[in-house]
Amino acid sequence: SYAWENCALADWLVRQLTLQGYRVWCDRFMMLGGESF
């Protein structure tokens, strides 16, 4: 959950947490396998 002005941090967090094996929902992304927000 974030504000648009903090989208750079939100993007970075999604990538870092995904690298650790977590499934992460963030409205800027669609997950692996076509799983949409």
PDB file of all heavy atoms in Angstrom:
ATOM      1  N   SER A   1       0.857  -1.178   0.000  1.00  0.00           N
ATOM      2  CA  SER A   1       0.000   0.000   0.000  1.00  0.00           C
ATOM      3  C   SER A   1       0.897   1.233   0.000  1.00  0.00           C
ATOM      4  O   SER A   1       1.735   1.391   0.893  1.00  0.00           O
ATOM      5  CB  SER A   1      -0.903  -0.004   1.240  1.00  0.00           C
ATOM      6  OG  SER A   1      -1.658   1.192   1.324  1.00  0.00           O
ATOM      7  N   TYR A   2       0.691   2.135  -0.975  1.00  0.00           N
ATOM      8  CA  TYR A   2       1.627   3.252  -1.128  1.00  0.00           C
ATOM      9  C   TYR A   2       0.941   4.404  -1.849  1.00  0.00           C
ATOM     10  O   TYR A   2      -0.130   4.249  -2.433  1.00  0.00           O
ATOM     11  CB  TYR A   2       2.845   2.804  -1.948  1.00  0.00           C
ATOM     12  CG  TYR A   2       2.545   2.595  -3.419  1.00  0.00           C
ATOM     13  CD1 TYR A   2       2.953   3.522  -4.369  1.00  0.00           C
ATOM     14  CD2 TYR A   2       1.814   1.487  -3.854  1.00  0.00           C
ATOM     15  CE1 TYR A   2       2.656   3.347  -5.722  1.00  0.00           C
ATOM     16  CE2 TYR A   2       1.509   1.310  -5.193  1.00  0.00           C
ATOM     17  CZ  TYR A   2       1.933   2.246  -6.117  1.00  0.00           C
ATOM     18  OH  TYR A   2       1.618   2.083  -7.447  1.00  0.00           O
ATOM     19  N   ALA A   3       1.577   5.556  -1.808  1.00  0.00           N
ATOM     20  CA  ALA A   3       1.149   6.704  -2.600  1.00  0.00           C
ATOM     21  C   ALA A   3       1.978   6.759  -3.875  1.00  0.00           C
ATOM     22  O   ALA A   3       3.126   6.312  -3.912  1.00  0.00           O
ATOM     23  CB  ALA A   3       1.324   8.004  -1.809  1.00  0.00           C
ATOM     24  N   TRP A   4       1.378   7.333  -4.921  1.00  0.00           N
ATOM     25  CA  TRP A   4       2.043   7.369  -6.219  1.00  0.00           C
ATOM     26  C   TRP A   4       3.443   7.979  -6.134  1.00  0.00           C
ATOM     27  O   TRP A   4       4.377   7.544  -6.813  1.00  0.00           O
ATOM     28  CB  TRP A   4       1.183   8.159  -7.209  1.00  0.00           C
ATOM     29  CG  TRP A   4       1.847   8.365  -8.531  1.00  0.00           C
ATOM     30  CD1 TRP A   4       2.511   9.480  -8.968  1.00  0.00           C
ATOM     31  CD2 TRP A   4       1.944   7.417  -9.587  1.00  0.00           C
ATOM     32  NE1 TRP A   4       2.993   9.285 -10.234  1.00  0.00           N
ATOM     33  CE2 TRP A   4       2.664   8.028 -10.629  1.00  0.00           C
ATOM     34  CE3 TRP A   4       1.483   6.105  -9.746  1.00  0.00           C
ATOM     35  CZ2 TRP A   4       2.942   7.359 -11.825  1.00  0.00           C
ATOM     36  CZ3 TRP A   4       1.752   5.453 -10.944  1.00  0.00           C
ATOM     37  CH2 TRP A   4       2.471   6.077 -11.955  1.00  0.00           C
ATOM     38  N   GLU A   5       3.613   8.974  -5.292  1.00  0.00           N
ATOM     39  CA  GLU A   5       4.912   9.647  -5.188  1.00  0.00           C
ATOM     40  C   GLU A   5       6.006   8.723  -4.659  1.00  0.00           C
ATOM     41  O   GLU A   5       7.192   9.014  -4.811  1.00  0.00           O
ATOM     42  CB  GLU A   5       4.795  10.879  -4.280  1.00  0.00           C
ATOM     43  CG  GLU A   5       3.952  11.991  -4.855  1.00  0.00           C
ATOM     44  CD  GLU A   5       2.466  11.809  -4.598  1.00  0.00           C
ATOM     45  OE1 GLU A   5       2.057  10.726  -4.104  1.00  0.00           O
ATOM     46  OE2 GLU A   5       1.698  12.749  -4.914  1.00  0.00           O
ATOM     47  N   ASN A   6       5.621   7.625  -4.028  1.00  0.00           N
ATOM     48  CA  ASN A   6       6.584   6.657  -3.501  1.00  0.00           C
ATOM     49  C   ASN A   6       6.684   5.410  -4.376  1.00  0.00           C
ATOM     50  O   ASN A   6       7.095   4.348  -3.911  1.00  0.00           O
ATOM     51  CB  ASN A   6       6.191   6.246  -2.074  1.00  0.00           C
ATOM     52  CG  ASN A   6       6.111   7.420  -1.127  1.00  0.00           C
ATOM     53  OD1 ASN A   6       5.068   7.675  -0.524  1.00  0.00           O
ATOM     54  ND2 ASN A   6       7.206   8.162  -0.984  1.00  0.00           N
ATOM     55  N   CYS A   7       6.331   5.542  -5.659  1.00  0.00           N
ATOM     56  CA  CYS A   7       6.291   4.368  -6.527  1.00  0.00           C
ATOM     57  C   CYS A   7       7.671   3.752  -6.754  1.00  0.00           C
ATOM     58  O   CYS A   7       7.785   2.541  -6.959  1.00  0.00           O
ATOM     59  CB  CYS A   7       5.623   4.694  -7.859  1.00  0.00           C
ATOM     60  SG  CYS A   7       6.492   5.903  -8.868  1.00  0.00           S
ATOM     61  N   ALA A   8       8.735   4.550  -6.705  1.00  0.00           N
ATOM     62  CA  ALA A   8      10.078   3.990  -6.904  1.00  0.00           C
ATOM     63  C   ALA A   8      10.401   2.989  -5.799  1.00  0.00           C
ATOM     64  O   ALA A   8      10.935   1.896  -6.063  1.00  0.00           O
ATOM     65  CB  ALA A   8      11.121   5.101  -6.949  1.00  0.00           C
ATOM     66  N   LEU A   9      10.076   3.343  -4.569  1.00  0.00           N
ATOM     67  CA  LEU A   9      10.294   2.413  -3.460  1.00  0.00           C
ATOM     68  C   LEU A   9       9.371   1.206  -3.571  1.00  0.00           C
ATOM     69  O   LEU A   9       9.791   0.071  -3.318  1.00  0.00           O
ATOM     70  CB  LEU A   9      10.073   3.128  -2.125  1.00  0.00           C
ATOM     71  CG  LEU A   9      10.133   2.249  -0.868  1.00  0.00           C
ATOM     72  CD1 LEU A   9      11.440   1.483  -0.793  1.00  0.00           C
ATOM     73  CD2 LEU A   9       9.924   3.105   0.381  1.00  0.00           C
ATOM     74  N   ALA A  10       8.120   1.428  -3.954  1.00  0.00           N
ATOM     75  CA  ALA A  10       7.188   0.311  -4.116  1.00  0.00           C
ATOM     76  C   ALA A  10       7.711  -0.680  -5.150  1.00  0.00           C
ATOM     77  O   ALA A  10       7.697  -1.901  -4.934  1.00  0.00           O
ATOM     78  CB  ALA A  10       5.803   0.827  -4.512  1.00  0.00           C
ATOM     79  N   ASP A  11       8.191  -0.172  -6.292  1.00  0.00           N
ATOM     80  CA  ASP A  11       8.742  -1.047  -7.335  1.00  0.00           C
ATOM     81  C   ASP A  11       9.924  -1.842  -6.811  1.00  0.00           C
ATOM     82  O   ASP A  11      10.050  -3.052  -7.046  1.00  0.00           O
ATOM     83  CB  ASP A  11       9.192  -0.222  -8.544  1.00  0.00           C
ATOM     84  CG  ASP A  11       8.043   0.451  -9.271  1.00  0.00           C
ATOM     85  OD1 ASP A  11       6.877   0.136  -8.969  1.00  0.00           O
ATOM     86  OD2 ASP A  11       8.315   1.298 -10.141  1.00  0.00           O
ATOM     87  N   TRP A  12      10.818  -1.157  -6.124  1.00  0.00           N
ATOM     88  CA  TRP A  12      12.021  -1.802  -5.590  1.00  0.00           C
ATOM     89  C   TRP A  12      11.650  -2.893  -4.590  1.00  0.00           C
ATOM     90  O   TRP A  12      12.228  -3.989  -4.606  1.00  0.00           O
ATOM     91  CB  TRP A  12      12.898  -0.739  -4.939  1.00  0.00           C
ATOM     92  CG  TRP A  12      14.214  -1.233  -4.424  1.00  0.00           C
ATOM     93  CD1 TRP A  12      15.352  -1.438  -5.142  1.00  0.00           C
ATOM     94  CD2 TRP A  12      14.527  -1.575  -3.065  1.00  0.00           C
ATOM     95  NE1 TRP A  12      16.363  -1.887  -4.312  1.00  0.00           N
ATOM     96  CE2 TRP A  12      15.878  -1.972  -3.034  1.00  0.00           C
ATOM     97  CE3 TRP A  12      13.804  -1.565  -1.879  1.00  0.00           C
ATOM     98  CZ2 TRP A  12      16.517  -2.370  -1.865  1.00  0.00           C
ATOM     99  CZ3 TRP A  12      14.430  -1.966  -0.702  1.00  0.00           C
ATOM    100  CH2 TRP A  12      15.772  -2.361  -0.698  1.00  0.00           C
ATOM    101  N   LEU A  13      10.681  -2.600  -3.738  1.00  0.00           N
ATOM    102  CA  LEU A  13      10.253  -3.591  -2.748  1.00  0.00           C
ATOM    103  C   LEU A  13       9.667  -4.830  -3.415  1.00  0.00           C
ATOM    104  O   LEU A  13       9.933  -5.957  -2.996  1.00  0.00           O
ATOM    105  CB  LEU A  13       9.211  -2.978  -1.821  1.00  0.00           C
ATOM    106  CG  LEU A  13       9.690  -2.390  -0.497  1.00  0.00           C
ATOM    107  CD1 LEU A  13       8.507  -1.834   0.276  1.00  0.00           C
ATOM    108  CD2 LEU A  13      10.428  -3.429   0.331  1.00  0.00           C
ATOM    109  N   VAL A  14       8.842  -4.613  -4.442  1.00  0.00           N
ATOM    110  CA  VAL A  14       8.256  -5.754  -5.152  1.00  0.00           C
ATOM    111  C   VAL A  14       9.353  -6.661  -5.687  1.00  0.00           C
ATOM    112  O   VAL A  14       9.316  -7.889  -5.528  1.00  0.00           O
ATOM    113  CB  VAL A  14       7.338  -5.279  -6.294  1.00  0.00           C
ATOM    114  CG1 VAL A  14       6.928  -6.453  -7.172  1.00  0.00           C
ATOM    115  CG2 VAL A  14       6.103  -4.592  -5.735  1.00  0.00           C
ATOM    116  N   ARG A  15      10.349  -6.072  -6.321  1.00  0.00           N
ATOM    117  CA  ARG A  15      11.432  -6.871  -6.894  1.00  0.00           C
ATOM    118  C   ARG A  15      12.222  -7.605  -5.812  1.00  0.00           C
ATOM    119  O   ARG A  15      12.520  -8.803  -5.929  1.00  0.00           O
ATOM    120  CB  ARG A  15      12.354  -5.974  -7.709  1.00  0.00           C
ATOM    121  CG  ARG A  15      11.694  -5.404  -8.949  1.00  0.00           C
ATOM    122  CD  ARG A  15      12.635  -4.478  -9.709  1.00  0.00           C
ATOM    123  NE  ARG A  15      11.994  -3.963 -10.905  1.00  0.00           N
ATOM    124  CZ  ARG A  15      11.837  -2.675 -11.185  1.00  0.00           C
ATOM    125  NH1 ARG A  15      12.255  -1.751 -10.335  1.00  0.00           N
ATOM    126  NH2 ARG A  15      11.252  -2.300 -12.302  1.00  0.00           N
ATOM    127  N   GLN A  16      12.567  -6.898  -4.753  1.00  0.00           N
ATOM    128  CA  GLN A  16      13.375  -7.506  -3.698  1.00  0.00           C
ATOM    129  C   GLN A  16      12.634  -8.632  -2.994  1.00  0.00           C
ATOM    130  O   GLN A  16      13.206  -9.695  -2.721  1.00  0.00           O
ATOM    131  CB  GLN A  16      13.800  -6.432  -2.687  1.00  0.00           C
ATOM    132  CG  GLN A  16      14.721  -5.361  -3.241  1.00  0.00           C
ATOM    133  CD  GLN A  16      16.037  -5.930  -3.741  1.00  0.00           C
ATOM    134  OE1 GLN A  16      16.617  -6.820  -3.125  1.00  0.00           O
ATOM    135  NE2 GLN A  16      16.505  -5.420  -4.874  1.00  0.00           N
ATOM    136  N   LEU A  17      11.368  -8.424  -2.690  1.00  0.00           N
ATOM    137  CA  LEU A  17      10.600  -9.449  -1.997  1.00  0.00           C
ATOM    138  C   LEU A  17      10.313 -10.641  -2.906  1.00  0.00           C
ATOM    139  O   LEU A  17      10.270 -11.791  -2.458  1.00  0.00           O
ATOM    140  CB  LEU A  17       9.299  -8.852  -1.458  1.00  0.00           C
ATOM    141  CG  LEU A  17       9.482  -7.818  -0.338  1.00  0.00           C
ATOM    142  CD1 LEU A  17       8.152  -7.149  -0.007  1.00  0.00           C
ATOM    143  CD2 LEU A  17      10.076  -8.469   0.911  1.00  0.00           C
ATOM    144  N   THR A  18      10.111 -10.355  -4.186  1.00  0.00           N
ATOM    145  CA  THR A  18       9.896 -11.449  -5.134  1.00  0.00           C
ATOM    146  C   THR A  18      11.148 -12.308  -5.261  1.00  0.00           C
ATOM    147  O   THR A  18      11.065 -13.538  -5.345  1.00  0.00           O
ATOM    148  CB  THR A  18       9.490 -10.896  -6.514  1.00  0.00           C
ATOM    149  OG1 THR A  18       8.294 -10.130  -6.365  1.00  0.00           O
ATOM    150  CG2 THR A  18       9.220 -12.024  -7.499  1.00  0.00           C
ATOM    151  N   LEU A  19      12.301 -11.676  -5.271  1.00  0.00           N
ATOM    152  CA  LEU A  19      13.559 -12.426  -5.296  1.00  0.00           C
ATOM    153  C   LEU A  19      13.680 -13.355  -4.092  1.00  0.00           C
ATOM    154  O   LEU A  19      14.324 -14.409  -4.172  1.00  0.00           O
ATOM    155  CB  LEU A  19      14.750 -11.464  -5.332  1.00  0.00           C
ATOM    156  CG  LEU A  19      15.062 -10.819  -6.677  1.00  0.00           C
ATOM    157  CD1 LEU A  19      16.101  -9.708  -6.518  1.00  0.00           C
ATOM    158  CD2 LEU A  19      15.556 -11.855  -7.679  1.00  0.00           C
ATOM    159  N   GLN A  20      13.052 -12.969  -2.993  1.00  0.00           N
ATOM    160  CA  GLN A  20      13.093 -13.810  -1.792  1.00  0.00           C
ATOM    161  C   GLN A  20      12.039 -14.918  -1.819  1.00  0.00           C
ATOM    162  O   GLN A  20      11.959 -15.722  -0.890  1.00  0.00           O
ATOM    163  CB  GLN A  20      12.894 -12.933  -0.548  1.00  0.00           C
ATOM    164  CG  GLN A  20      14.015 -11.932  -0.319  1.00  0.00           C
ATOM    165  CD  GLN A  20      13.799 -11.108   0.932  1.00  0.00           C
ATOM    166  OE1 GLN A  20      13.141 -11.532   1.884  1.00  0.00           O
ATOM    167  NE2 GLN A  20      14.370  -9.912   0.961  1.00  0.00           N
ATOM    168  N   GLY A  21      11.201 -14.942  -2.865  1.00  0.00           N
ATOM    169  CA  GLY A  21      10.234 -16.021  -3.014  1.00  0.00           C
ATOM    170  C   GLY A  21       8.809 -15.664  -2.644  1.00  0.00           C
ATOM    171  O   GLY A  21       7.927 -16.530  -2.689  1.00  0.00           O
ATOM    172  N   TYR A  22       8.551 -14.402  -2.289  1.00  0.00           N
ATOM    173  CA  TYR A  22       7.196 -14.004  -1.911  1.00  0.00           C
ATOM    174  C   TYR A  22       6.366 -13.631  -3.138  1.00  0.00           C
ATOM    175  O   TYR A  22       6.888 -13.131  -4.129  1.00  0.00           O
ATOM    176  CB  TYR A  22       7.236 -12.805  -0.961  1.00  0.00           C
ATOM    177  CG  TYR A  22       7.939 -13.089   0.346  1.00  0.00           C
ATOM    178  CD1 TYR A  22       9.215 -12.589   0.585  1.00  0.00           C
ATOM    179  CD2 TYR A  22       7.329 -13.858   1.333  1.00  0.00           C
ATOM    180  CE1 TYR A  22       9.872 -12.850   1.782  1.00  0.00           C
ATOM    181  CE2 TYR A  22       7.974 -14.121   2.532  1.00  0.00           C
ATOM    182  CZ  TYR A  22       9.248 -13.617   2.747  1.00  0.00           C
ATOM    183  OH  TYR A  22       9.896 -13.879   3.928  1.00  0.00           O
ATOM    184  N   ARG A  23       5.064 -13.865  -3.043  1.00  0.00           N
ATOM    185  CA  ARG A  23       4.128 -13.329  -4.026  1.00  0.00           C
ATOM    186  C   ARG A  23       3.686 -11.955  -3.533  1.00  0.00           C
ATOM    187  O   ARG A  23       3.188 -11.831  -2.416  1.00  0.00           O
ATOM    188  CB  ARG A  23       2.906 -14.238  -4.197  1.00  0.00           C
ATOM    189  CG  ARG A  23       3.170 -15.478  -5.035  1.00  0.00           C
ATOM    190  CD  ARG A  23       1.867 -16.109  -5.466  1.00  0.00           C
ATOM    191  NE  ARG A  23       2.070 -17.251  -6.341  1.00  0.00           N
ATOM    192  CZ  ARG A  23       2.281 -17.169  -7.642  1.00  0.00           C
ATOM    193  NH1 ARG A  23       2.316 -15.986  -8.216  1.00  0.00           N
ATOM    194  NH2 ARG A  23       2.459 -18.242  -8.371  1.00  0.00           N
ATOM    195  N   VAL A  24       3.865 -10.949  -4.365  1.00  0.00           N
ATOM    196  CA  VAL A  24       3.612  -9.579  -3.932  1.00  0.00           C
ATOM    197  C   VAL A  24       2.590  -8.928  -4.850  1.00  0.00           C
ATOM    198  O   VAL A  24       2.728  -8.964  -6.069  1.00  0.00           O
ATOM    199  CB  VAL A  24       4.906  -8.744  -3.946  1.00  0.00           C
ATOM    200  CG1 VAL A  24       4.668  -7.379  -3.327  1.00  0.00           C
ATOM    201  CG2 VAL A  24       6.030  -9.477  -3.207  1.00  0.00           C
ATOM    202  N   TRP A  25       1.573  -8.324  -4.238  1.00  0.00           N
ATOM    203  CA  TRP A  25       0.598  -7.551  -4.994  1.00  0.00           C
ATOM    204  C   TRP A  25       0.936  -6.072  -4.887  1.00  0.00           C
ATOM    205  O   TRP A  25       1.067  -5.522  -3.798  1.00  0.00           O
ATOM    206  CB  TRP A  25      -0.815  -7.777  -4.452  1.00  0.00           C
ATOM    207  CG  TRP A  25      -1.555  -8.866  -5.133  1.00  0.00           C
ATOM    208  CD1 TRP A  25      -1.390  -9.301  -6.401  1.00  0.00           C
ATOM    209  CD2 TRP A  25      -2.608  -9.657  -4.576  1.00  0.00           C
ATOM    210  NE1 TRP A  25      -2.267 -10.313  -6.684  1.00  0.00           N
ATOM    211  CE2 TRP A  25      -3.021 -10.553  -5.575  1.00  0.00           C
ATOM    212  CE3 TRP A  25      -3.231  -9.684  -3.332  1.00  0.00           C
ATOM    213  CZ2 TRP A  25      -4.041 -11.478  -5.366  1.00  0.00           C
ATOM    214  CZ3 TRP A  25      -4.245 -10.595  -3.126  1.00  0.00           C
ATOM    215  CH2 TRP A  25      -4.647 -11.485  -4.137  1.00  0.00           C
ATOM    216  N   CYS A  26       1.068  -5.448  -6.040  1.00  0.00           N
ATOM    217  CA  CYS A  26       1.264  -4.005  -6.114  1.00  0.00           C
ATOM    218  C   CYS A  26       0.601  -3.575  -7.410  1.00  0.00           C
ATOM    219  O   CYS A  26       0.754  -4.251  -8.444  1.00  0.00           O
ATOM    220  CB  CYS A  26       2.751  -3.657  -6.122  1.00  0.00           C
ATOM    221  SG  CYS A  26       3.110  -1.900  -6.304  1.00  0.00           S
ATOM    222  N   ASP A  27      -0.139  -2.485  -7.401  1.00  0.00           N
ATOM    223  CA  ASP A  27      -0.957  -2.158  -8.565  1.00  0.00           C
ATOM    224  C   ASP A  27      -0.159  -1.802  -9.806  1.00  0.00           C
ATOM    225  O   ASP A  27      -0.715  -1.658 -10.884  1.00  0.00           O
ATOM    226  CB  ASP A  27      -1.949  -1.046  -8.230  1.00  0.00           C
ATOM    227  CG  ASP A  27      -1.272   0.262  -7.857  1.00  0.00           C
ATOM    228  OD1 ASP A  27      -0.036   0.349  -7.911  1.00  0.00           O
ATOM    229  OD2 ASP A  27      -1.989   1.209  -7.486  1.00  0.00           O
ATOM    230  N   ARG A  28       1.146  -1.685  -9.694  1.00  0.00           N
ATOM    231  CA  ARG A  28       1.979  -1.380 -10.857  1.00  0.00           C
ATOM    232  C   ARG A  28       2.415  -2.640 -11.604  1.00  0.00           C
ATOM    233  O   ARG A  28       3.038  -2.551 -12.659  1.00  0.00           O
ATOM    234  CB  ARG A  28       3.210  -0.593 -10.418  1.00  0.00           C
ATOM    235  CG  ARG A  28       2.867   0.833 -10.025  1.00  0.00           C
ATOM    236  CD  ARG A  28       4.009   1.513  -9.323  1.00  0.00           C
ATOM    237  NE  ARG A  28       5.224   1.598 -10.103  1.00  0.00           N
ATOM    238  CZ  ARG A  28       5.432   2.476 -11.110  1.00  0.00           C
ATOM    239  NH1 ARG A  28       4.473   3.312 -11.461  1.00  0.00           N
ATOM    240  NH2 ARG A  28       6.579   2.519 -11.733  1.00  0.00           N
ATOM    241  N   PHE A  29       2.094  -3.799 -11.082  1.00  0.00           N
ATOM    242  CA  PHE A  29       2.630  -5.017 -11.658  1.00  0.00           C
ATOM    243  C   PHE A  29       1.586  -6.116 -11.829  1.00  0.00           C
ATOM    244  O   PHE A  29       0.606  -6.177 -11.093  1.00  0.00           O
ATOM    245  CB  PHE A  29       3.741  -5.572 -10.765  1.00  0.00           C
ATOM    246  CG  PHE A  29       4.899  -4.646 -10.606  1.00  0.00           C
ATOM    247  CD1 PHE A  29       5.057  -3.916  -9.446  1.00  0.00           C
ATOM    248  CD2 PHE A  29       5.833  -4.486 -11.607  1.00  0.00           C
ATOM    249  CE1 PHE A  29       6.117  -3.054  -9.277  1.00  0.00           C
ATOM    250  CE2 PHE A  29       6.901  -3.629 -11.456  1.00  0.00           C
ATOM    251  CZ  PHE A  29       7.040  -2.913 -10.284  1.00  0.00           C
ATOM    252  N   MET A  30       1.877  -7.019 -12.763  1.00  0.00           N
ATOM    253  CA  MET A  30       1.153  -8.273 -12.878  1.00  0.00           C
ATOM    254  C   MET A  30       2.124  -9.383 -12.507  1.00  0.00           C
ATOM    255  O   MET A  30       3.297  -9.337 -12.854  1.00  0.00           O
ATOM    256  CB  MET A  30       0.638  -8.494 -14.302  1.00  0.00           C
ATOM    257  CG  MET A  30      -0.123  -9.802 -14.474  1.00  0.00           C
ATOM    258  SD  MET A  30      -0.678 -10.044 -16.182  1.00  0.00           S
ATOM    259  CE  MET A  30      -1.942  -8.804 -16.274  1.00  0.00           C
ATOM    260  N   MET A  31       1.636 -10.376 -11.789  1.00  0.00           N
ATOM    261  CA  MET A  31       2.510 -11.422 -11.278  1.00  0.00           C
ATOM    262  C   MET A  31       2.853 -12.452 -12.349  1.00  0.00           C
ATOM    263  O   MET A  31       2.293 -12.467 -13.432  1.00  0.00           O
ATOM    264  CB  MET A  31       1.844 -12.126 -10.093  1.00  0.00           C
ATOM    265  CG  MET A  31       1.477 -11.181  -8.966  1.00  0.00           C
ATOM    266  SD  MET A  31       2.882 -10.286  -8.295  1.00  0.00           S
ATOM    267  CE  MET A  31       3.796 -11.653  -7.576  1.00  0.00           C
ATOM    268  N   LEU A  32       3.790 -13.329 -12.010  1.00  0.00           N
ATOM    269  CA  LEU A  32       4.158 -14.423 -12.905  1.00  0.00           C
ATOM    270  C   LEU A  32       2.945 -15.266 -13.261  1.00  0.00           C
ATOM    271  O   LEU A  32       2.037 -15.431 -12.462  1.00  0.00           O
ATOM    272  CB  LEU A  32       5.196 -15.331 -12.223  1.00  0.00           C
ATOM    273  CG  LEU A  32       6.645 -14.865 -12.281  1.00  0.00           C
ATOM    274  CD1 LEU A  32       7.502 -15.746 -11.388  1.00  0.00           C
ATOM    275  CD2 LEU A  32       7.161 -14.923 -13.699  1.00  0.00           C
ATOM    276  N   GLY A  33       2.946 -15.792 -14.464  1.00  0.00           N
ATOM    277  CA  GLY A  33       1.868 -16.659 -14.888  1.00  0.00           C
ATOM    278  C   GLY A  33       0.598 -15.918 -15.241  1.00  0.00           C
ATOM    279  O   GLY A  33      -0.464 -16.510 -15.361  1.00  0.00           O
ATOM    280  N   GLY A  34       0.685 -14.577 -15.404  1.00  0.00           N
ATOM    281  CA  GLY A  34      -0.472 -13.804 -15.816  1.00  0.00           C
ATOM    282  C   GLY A  34      -1.433 -13.452 -14.710  1.00  0.00           C
ATOM    283  O   GLY A  34      -2.553 -13.037 -14.953  1.00  0.00           O
ATOM    284  N   GLU A  35      -1.009 -13.599 -13.457  1.00  0.00           N
ATOM    285  CA  GLU A  35      -1.889 -13.262 -12.344  1.00  0.00           C
ATOM    286  C   GLU A  35      -1.971 -11.744 -12.229  1.00  0.00           C
ATOM    287  O   GLU A  35      -0.990 -11.079 -11.940  1.00  0.00           O
ATOM    288  CB  GLU A  35      -1.345 -13.849 -11.042  1.00  0.00           C
ATOM    289  CG  GLU A  35      -2.204 -13.529  -9.845  1.00  0.00           C
ATOM    290  CD  GLU A  35      -1.558 -13.965  -8.544  1.00  0.00           C
ATOM    291  OE1 GLU A  35      -0.380 -14.325  -8.554  1.00  0.00           O
ATOM    292  OE2 GLU A  35      -2.254 -13.936  -7.526  1.00  0.00           O
ATOM    293  N   SER A  36      -3.137 -11.188 -12.453  1.00  0.00           N
ATOM    294  CA  SER A  36      -3.287  -9.739 -12.457  1.00  0.00           C
ATOM    295  C   SER A  36      -3.606  -9.218 -11.066  1.00  0.00           C
ATOM    296  O   SER A  36      -3.983  -9.973 -10.171  1.00  0.00           O
ATOM    297  CB  SER A  36      -4.391  -9.323 -13.426  1.00  0.00           C
ATOM    298  OG  SER A  36      -5.623  -9.878 -13.023  1.00  0.00           O
ATOM    299  N   PHE A  37      -3.464  -7.898 -10.930  1.00  0.00           N
ATOM    300  CA  PHE A  37      -3.822  -7.272  -9.669  1.00  0.00           C
ATOM    301  C   PHE A  37      -5.323  -7.443  -9.446  1.00  0.00           C
ATOM    302  O   PHE A  37      -6.109  -7.317 -10.378  1.00  0.00           O
ATOM    303  CB  PHE A  37      -3.456  -5.780  -9.713  1.00  0.00           C
ATOM    304  CG  PHE A  37      -3.475  -5.122  -8.375  1.00  0.00           C
ATOM    305  CD1 PHE A  37      -2.421  -5.289  -7.496  1.00  0.00           C
ATOM    306  CD2 PHE A  37      -4.537  -4.345  -7.989  1.00  0.00           C
ATOM    307  CE1 PHE A  37      -2.426  -4.689  -6.250  1.00  0.00           C
ATOM    308  CE2 PHE A  37      -4.568  -3.733  -6.741  1.00  0.00           C
ATOM    309  CZ  PHE A  37      -3.499  -3.909  -5.881  1.00  0.00           C
TER     310      PHE A  37
END
